[in-house]
Amino acid sequence: MKILKAIYTVYATVIFVTTFFLVLPVYLFADWFDRPKLGLIINHYWAKVYFFLIGMPIIIEKQFDFDKNQNYILCANHFSFLDVAIMPFAPIPFKYVGKVSISKVPFFGYMFKRFHITVDRAKSRSSYETYKKSVAALIDGFSLGIFPEGGIRTVEPPKMASFKEGPFRMAIETGVHLVPISFADSWHIFPSDGNVVLNRRKCRIVFHKPIDPINYSIDTLKEFKDDVYNIIQKGLDSKF
C-alpha cells in the first residue's frame, strides 16, 4: 500500500508540473498584456483538468448559484496545502490572499505573485498593505479567496483554528458578499504532517449560501466572524 501511495504521489506531482508548464504561456501572455482575469480564469480550468488526470473525484455541493456579474469573498477552512489547488473549483475567477512564502516556489511562485495578493504575517506593515490591496481589488470588481484561519493552524482537524478579522472587515467595508466554504476531505488526501504522500479519495467541497455584510458592522465584527465559523464548521461536522 505504501508503494502504491508513493507511486501515485510521484504521478500526481509529475502531472502538476507538466500541466503548469503547459499553461505557463497563457499566464505569461496575461501578465505581459495586462489581462489579469485571463490568468485567474486559467486557474479554474487548470484545476478541473489536473484533478481529472490524477483520478481524484471532486464532489461539489452548491447551496446557491454564483452570479457571474458579482464578486465575492470566498472563505474556506485550511487544513492542507491541497486547499490552494481545489479552491479554483469555485466557478468564478478570483485572487488569492496568501502567504508570501508561496511566491518563493520556483515558477509557480512567480505567477502567484503576479496575479494574486501576498502577505507576510510576521510584518504588521505588510499585513496592512495587503489589506489595502485586497480592498482595492474588491472595489475593482475582483473576487478574493481567503483562508480566515491565517494558515494551517489547527491541531485537531476537522476542528478549525480561530479566524482572523481581515476578510470580515473587508466585507463590511466594501459590501461584498462573503461565501463560507467547507473543504471536507483535503486534510485526509494531503495531510500537513510532514509526510509528502497523496491519498486518492473523493474530495468534497460545500459552497454555502453567501452572507450579506449589510447585516453587520464593525461593532458586530465578532458576531460576523463567529457566524461564518459556525457555518463552515457545521459543514465539516456533517461530513464525518
Protein backbone atom coordinates (compact mmCIF):
# COMPACT_ATOMS: atom_id res chain seq x y z
CA MET A 1 0.00 0.00 0.00
CA LYS A 2 2.84 2.42 0.84
CA ILE A 3 4.49 1.71 -2.51
CA LEU A 4 1.23 2.39 -4.36
CA LYS A 5 0.76 5.66 -2.47
CA ALA A 6 4.32 6.66 -3.30
CA ILE A 7 3.81 5.90 -6.99
CA TYR A 8 0.53 7.85 -7.01
CA THR A 9 2.19 10.81 -5.28
CA VAL A 10 5.00 10.89 -7.84
CA TYR A 11 2.49 10.61 -10.68
CA ALA A 12 0.37 13.47 -9.28
CA THR A 13 3.49 15.62 -8.87
CA VAL A 14 4.61 15.00 -12.45
CA ILE A 15 1.13 15.87 -13.73
CA PHE A 16 1.10 19.02 -11.60
CA VAL A 17 4.41 20.23 -13.03
CA THR A 18 3.55 19.19 -16.59
CA THR A 19 0.14 20.86 -16.67
CA PHE A 20 1.53 24.01 -15.08
CA PHE A 21 4.20 24.36 -17.76
CA LEU A 22 1.62 23.69 -20.48
CA VAL A 23 -0.46 26.67 -19.34
CA LEU A 24 2.56 28.83 -18.49
CA PRO A 25 2.50 30.61 -21.91
CA VAL A 26 -1.08 31.72 -21.20
CA TYR A 27 -0.05 33.07 -17.80
CA LEU A 28 2.85 34.94 -19.39
CA PHE A 29 0.57 36.37 -22.08
CA ALA A 30 -1.92 37.53 -19.43
CA ASP A 31 0.90 39.06 -17.40
CA TRP A 32 2.68 40.83 -20.26
CA PHE A 33 -0.52 42.20 -21.80
CA ASP A 34 -2.15 43.15 -18.51
CA ARG A 35 -5.03 40.66 -18.67
CA PRO A 36 -5.25 39.59 -15.01
CA LYS A 37 -8.70 38.00 -15.28
CA LEU A 38 -7.42 35.71 -18.04
CA GLY A 39 -4.72 34.45 -15.68
CA LEU A 40 -7.32 33.88 -12.95
CA ILE A 41 -9.71 32.05 -15.28
CA ILE A 42 -6.90 29.67 -16.26
CA ASN A 43 -6.68 28.61 -12.60
CA HIS A 44 -10.26 27.37 -12.80
CA TYR A 45 -9.73 25.24 -15.90
CA TRP A 46 -6.33 24.01 -14.76
CA ALA A 47 -7.86 22.63 -11.54
CA LYS A 48 -10.54 20.72 -13.45
CA VAL A 49 -8.01 19.19 -15.84
CA TYR A 50 -5.46 18.39 -13.12
CA PHE A 51 -7.83 16.54 -10.80
CA PHE A 52 -9.35 14.68 -13.74
CA LEU A 53 -5.91 13.48 -14.85
CA ILE A 54 -4.95 12.24 -11.39
CA GLY A 55 -8.29 10.47 -10.99
CA MET A 56 -9.39 12.45 -7.94
CA PRO A 57 -13.22 12.70 -7.79
CA ILE A 58 -14.39 16.17 -6.80
CA ILE A 59 -17.86 16.24 -5.22
CA ILE A 60 -19.32 19.75 -5.19
CA GLU A 61 -22.36 20.81 -3.18
CA LYS A 62 -23.56 24.31 -4.10
CA GLN A 63 -26.26 25.82 -1.91
CA PHE A 64 -26.72 28.70 -4.35
CA ASP A 65 -25.88 29.74 -7.90
CA PHE A 66 -22.94 32.10 -8.27
CA ASP A 67 -23.78 35.36 -10.04
CA LYS A 68 -21.06 35.76 -12.68
CA ASN A 69 -21.65 39.54 -12.62
CA GLN A 70 -20.98 39.80 -8.90
CA ASN A 71 -17.76 39.46 -6.94
CA TYR A 72 -17.41 37.56 -3.68
CA ILE A 73 -15.08 36.93 -0.77
CA LEU A 74 -14.50 33.16 -0.66
CA CYS A 75 -13.67 31.93 2.85
CA ALA A 76 -12.68 28.30 3.44
CA ASN A 77 -11.15 26.17 6.17
CA HIS A 78 -7.45 25.45 5.65
CA PHE A 79 -6.18 22.03 6.75
CA SER A 80 -3.95 21.12 3.80
CA PHE A 81 -1.67 22.60 1.14
CA LEU A 82 -4.07 20.97 -1.33
CA ASP A 83 -6.66 23.64 -0.49
CA VAL A 84 -4.90 26.11 -2.78
CA ALA A 85 -5.41 23.73 -5.70
CA ILE A 86 -9.08 22.93 -5.01
CA MET A 87 -10.33 26.48 -4.31
CA PRO A 88 -10.45 27.19 -8.09
CA PHE A 89 -13.44 24.84 -8.33
CA ALA A 90 -15.38 27.95 -7.38
CA PRO A 91 -16.93 28.87 -10.77
CA ILE A 92 -15.60 32.44 -10.76
CA PRO A 93 -12.13 33.93 -11.24
CA PHE A 94 -10.59 35.20 -8.01
CA LYS A 95 -7.38 36.48 -6.49
CA TYR A 96 -5.86 34.57 -3.59
CA VAL A 97 -4.76 36.41 -0.49
CA GLY A 98 -1.93 34.11 0.59
CA LYS A 99 1.35 33.89 2.45
CA VAL A 100 4.39 35.46 0.80
CA SER A 101 6.24 32.14 1.16
CA ILE A 102 4.20 30.77 -1.78
CA SER A 103 5.83 33.35 -4.05
CA LYS A 104 9.22 31.71 -3.36
CA VAL A 105 8.24 28.45 -5.10
CA PRO A 106 10.10 28.30 -8.47
CA PHE A 107 7.96 29.36 -11.48
CA PHE A 108 4.65 28.78 -9.67
CA GLY A 109 5.60 31.39 -7.08
CA TYR A 110 6.34 33.98 -9.75
CA MET A 111 2.89 33.55 -11.28
CA PHE A 112 1.27 33.58 -7.82
CA LYS A 113 2.91 36.89 -7.01
CA ARG A 114 1.91 38.42 -10.35
CA PHE A 115 -1.79 37.51 -10.20
CA HIS A 116 -2.56 37.25 -6.50
CA ILE A 117 -2.02 39.19 -3.27
CA THR A 118 0.70 38.12 -0.84
CA VAL A 119 1.09 38.85 2.85
CA ASP A 120 3.95 38.46 5.29
CA ARG A 121 2.11 37.92 8.58
CA ALA A 122 5.31 38.48 10.56
CA LYS A 123 5.34 42.12 9.48
CA SER A 124 2.47 44.35 10.59
CA ARG A 125 3.15 46.84 7.78
CA SER A 126 2.92 44.05 5.19
CA SER A 127 -0.43 42.93 6.65
CA TYR A 128 -1.76 46.50 6.42
CA GLU A 129 -0.58 46.88 2.80
CA THR A 130 -2.15 43.53 1.94
CA TYR A 131 -5.43 44.66 3.48
CA LYS A 132 -5.42 47.83 1.38
CA LYS A 133 -4.62 45.88 -1.81
CA SER A 134 -7.39 43.41 -1.03
CA VAL A 135 -9.99 46.13 -0.51
CA ALA A 136 -8.84 47.84 -3.72
CA ALA A 137 -9.20 44.55 -5.62
CA LEU A 138 -12.75 44.10 -4.31
CA ILE A 139 -13.65 47.66 -5.30
CA ASP A 140 -12.24 46.95 -8.78
CA GLY A 141 -14.63 44.01 -9.11
CA PHE A 142 -12.31 41.08 -8.35
CA SER A 143 -13.33 38.23 -6.07
CA LEU A 144 -10.92 37.11 -3.33
CA GLY A 145 -10.06 33.67 -1.99
CA ILE A 146 -9.04 33.79 1.68
CA PHE A 147 -8.28 31.23 4.39
CA PRO A 148 -9.52 33.08 7.50
CA GLU A 149 -7.57 30.83 9.86
CA GLY A 150 -4.45 32.61 8.57
CA GLY A 151 -2.65 29.41 7.60
CA ILE A 152 -2.72 25.73 8.52
CA ARG A 153 -3.06 26.27 12.27
CA THR A 154 -5.47 23.63 13.51
CA VAL A 155 -4.12 20.91 15.78
CA GLU A 156 -7.18 18.66 15.65
CA PRO A 157 -8.91 18.65 12.26
CA PRO A 158 -11.76 18.79 11.38
CA LYS A 159 -11.95 21.35 14.20
CA MET A 160 -10.84 24.70 12.80
CA ALA A 161 -8.48 27.19 14.43
CA SER A 162 -9.80 30.65 15.30
CA PHE A 163 -10.43 33.15 12.49
CA LYS A 164 -8.61 36.39 11.73
CA GLU A 165 -10.70 39.55 11.29
CA GLY A 166 -9.41 40.65 7.88
CA PRO A 167 -11.96 39.15 5.44
CA PHE A 168 -14.89 40.21 7.61
CA ARG A 169 -13.69 43.79 7.84
CA MET A 170 -13.23 43.77 4.06
CA ALA A 171 -16.78 42.56 3.54
CA ILE A 172 -18.23 45.21 5.84
CA GLU A 173 -16.12 47.96 4.28
CA THR A 174 -16.92 47.08 0.67
CA GLY A 175 -20.36 45.47 0.92
CA VAL A 176 -19.13 42.38 -0.97
CA HIS A 177 -20.96 39.17 -0.05
CA LEU A 178 -18.94 36.51 1.74
CA VAL A 179 -19.21 32.82 0.78
CA PRO A 180 -18.35 30.27 3.50
CA ILE A 181 -16.74 27.10 2.06
CA SER A 182 -16.16 23.73 3.72
CA PHE A 183 -13.29 21.57 2.40
CA ALA A 184 -14.24 18.25 3.96
CA ASP A 185 -11.51 15.90 2.76
CA SER A 186 -8.33 17.75 1.79
CA TRP A 187 -6.60 17.01 5.10
CA HIS A 188 -7.14 13.27 4.51
CA ILE A 189 -5.91 13.48 0.92
CA PHE A 190 -2.77 15.51 1.61
CA PRO A 191 -2.10 15.80 5.37
CA SER A 192 0.14 18.57 6.66
CA ASP A 193 2.03 16.13 8.91
CA GLY A 194 5.35 16.39 7.08
CA ASN A 195 4.86 13.17 5.11
CA VAL A 196 4.65 14.10 1.44
CA VAL A 197 2.08 11.48 0.48
CA LEU A 198 -1.08 12.00 -1.57
CA ASN A 199 -4.01 9.71 -0.78
CA ARG A 200 -6.52 9.12 -3.55
CA ARG A 201 -10.10 9.54 -2.31
CA LYS A 202 -13.13 11.70 -3.03
CA CYS A 203 -12.78 15.40 -2.27
CA ARG A 204 -15.98 17.09 -1.09
CA ILE A 205 -16.49 20.85 -1.32
CA VAL A 206 -19.51 22.71 0.07
CA PHE A 207 -20.24 26.24 -1.16
CA HIS A 208 -22.59 27.64 1.47
CA LYS A 209 -25.05 30.45 0.82
CA PRO A 210 -23.41 33.89 0.63
CA ILE A 211 -23.72 36.24 3.58
CA ASP A 212 -24.65 39.88 3.02
CA PRO A 213 -22.42 42.04 5.26
CA ILE A 214 -25.14 44.70 5.42
CA ASN A 215 -26.42 42.82 8.46
CA TYR A 216 -23.17 43.51 10.34
CA SER A 217 -20.99 46.43 11.37
CA ILE A 218 -17.55 46.92 12.86
CA ASP A 219 -19.24 46.80 16.26
CA THR A 220 -20.61 43.33 15.49
CA LEU A 221 -17.46 42.08 13.75
CA LYS A 222 -17.02 39.21 16.22
CA GLU A 223 -20.59 38.07 15.61
CA PHE A 224 -19.96 38.10 11.84
CA LYS A 225 -16.77 36.10 12.29
CA ASP A 226 -18.46 33.60 14.63
CA ASP A 227 -21.43 33.12 12.29
CA VAL A 228 -19.16 32.25 9.36
CA TYR A 229 -17.01 30.00 11.55
CA ASN A 230 -20.08 28.06 12.69
CA ILE A 231 -21.40 27.63 9.14
CA ILE A 232 -18.11 26.21 7.86
CA GLN A 233 -17.61 24.04 10.95
CA LYS A 234 -21.15 22.67 10.71
CA GLY A 235 -20.44 21.77 7.08
CA LEU A 236 -17.29 19.91 8.15
CA ASP A 237 -19.01 18.13 11.05
CA SER A 238 -21.89 16.95 8.85
CA LYS A 239 -19.43 15.12 6.56
CA PHE A 240 -17.95 12.94 9.30
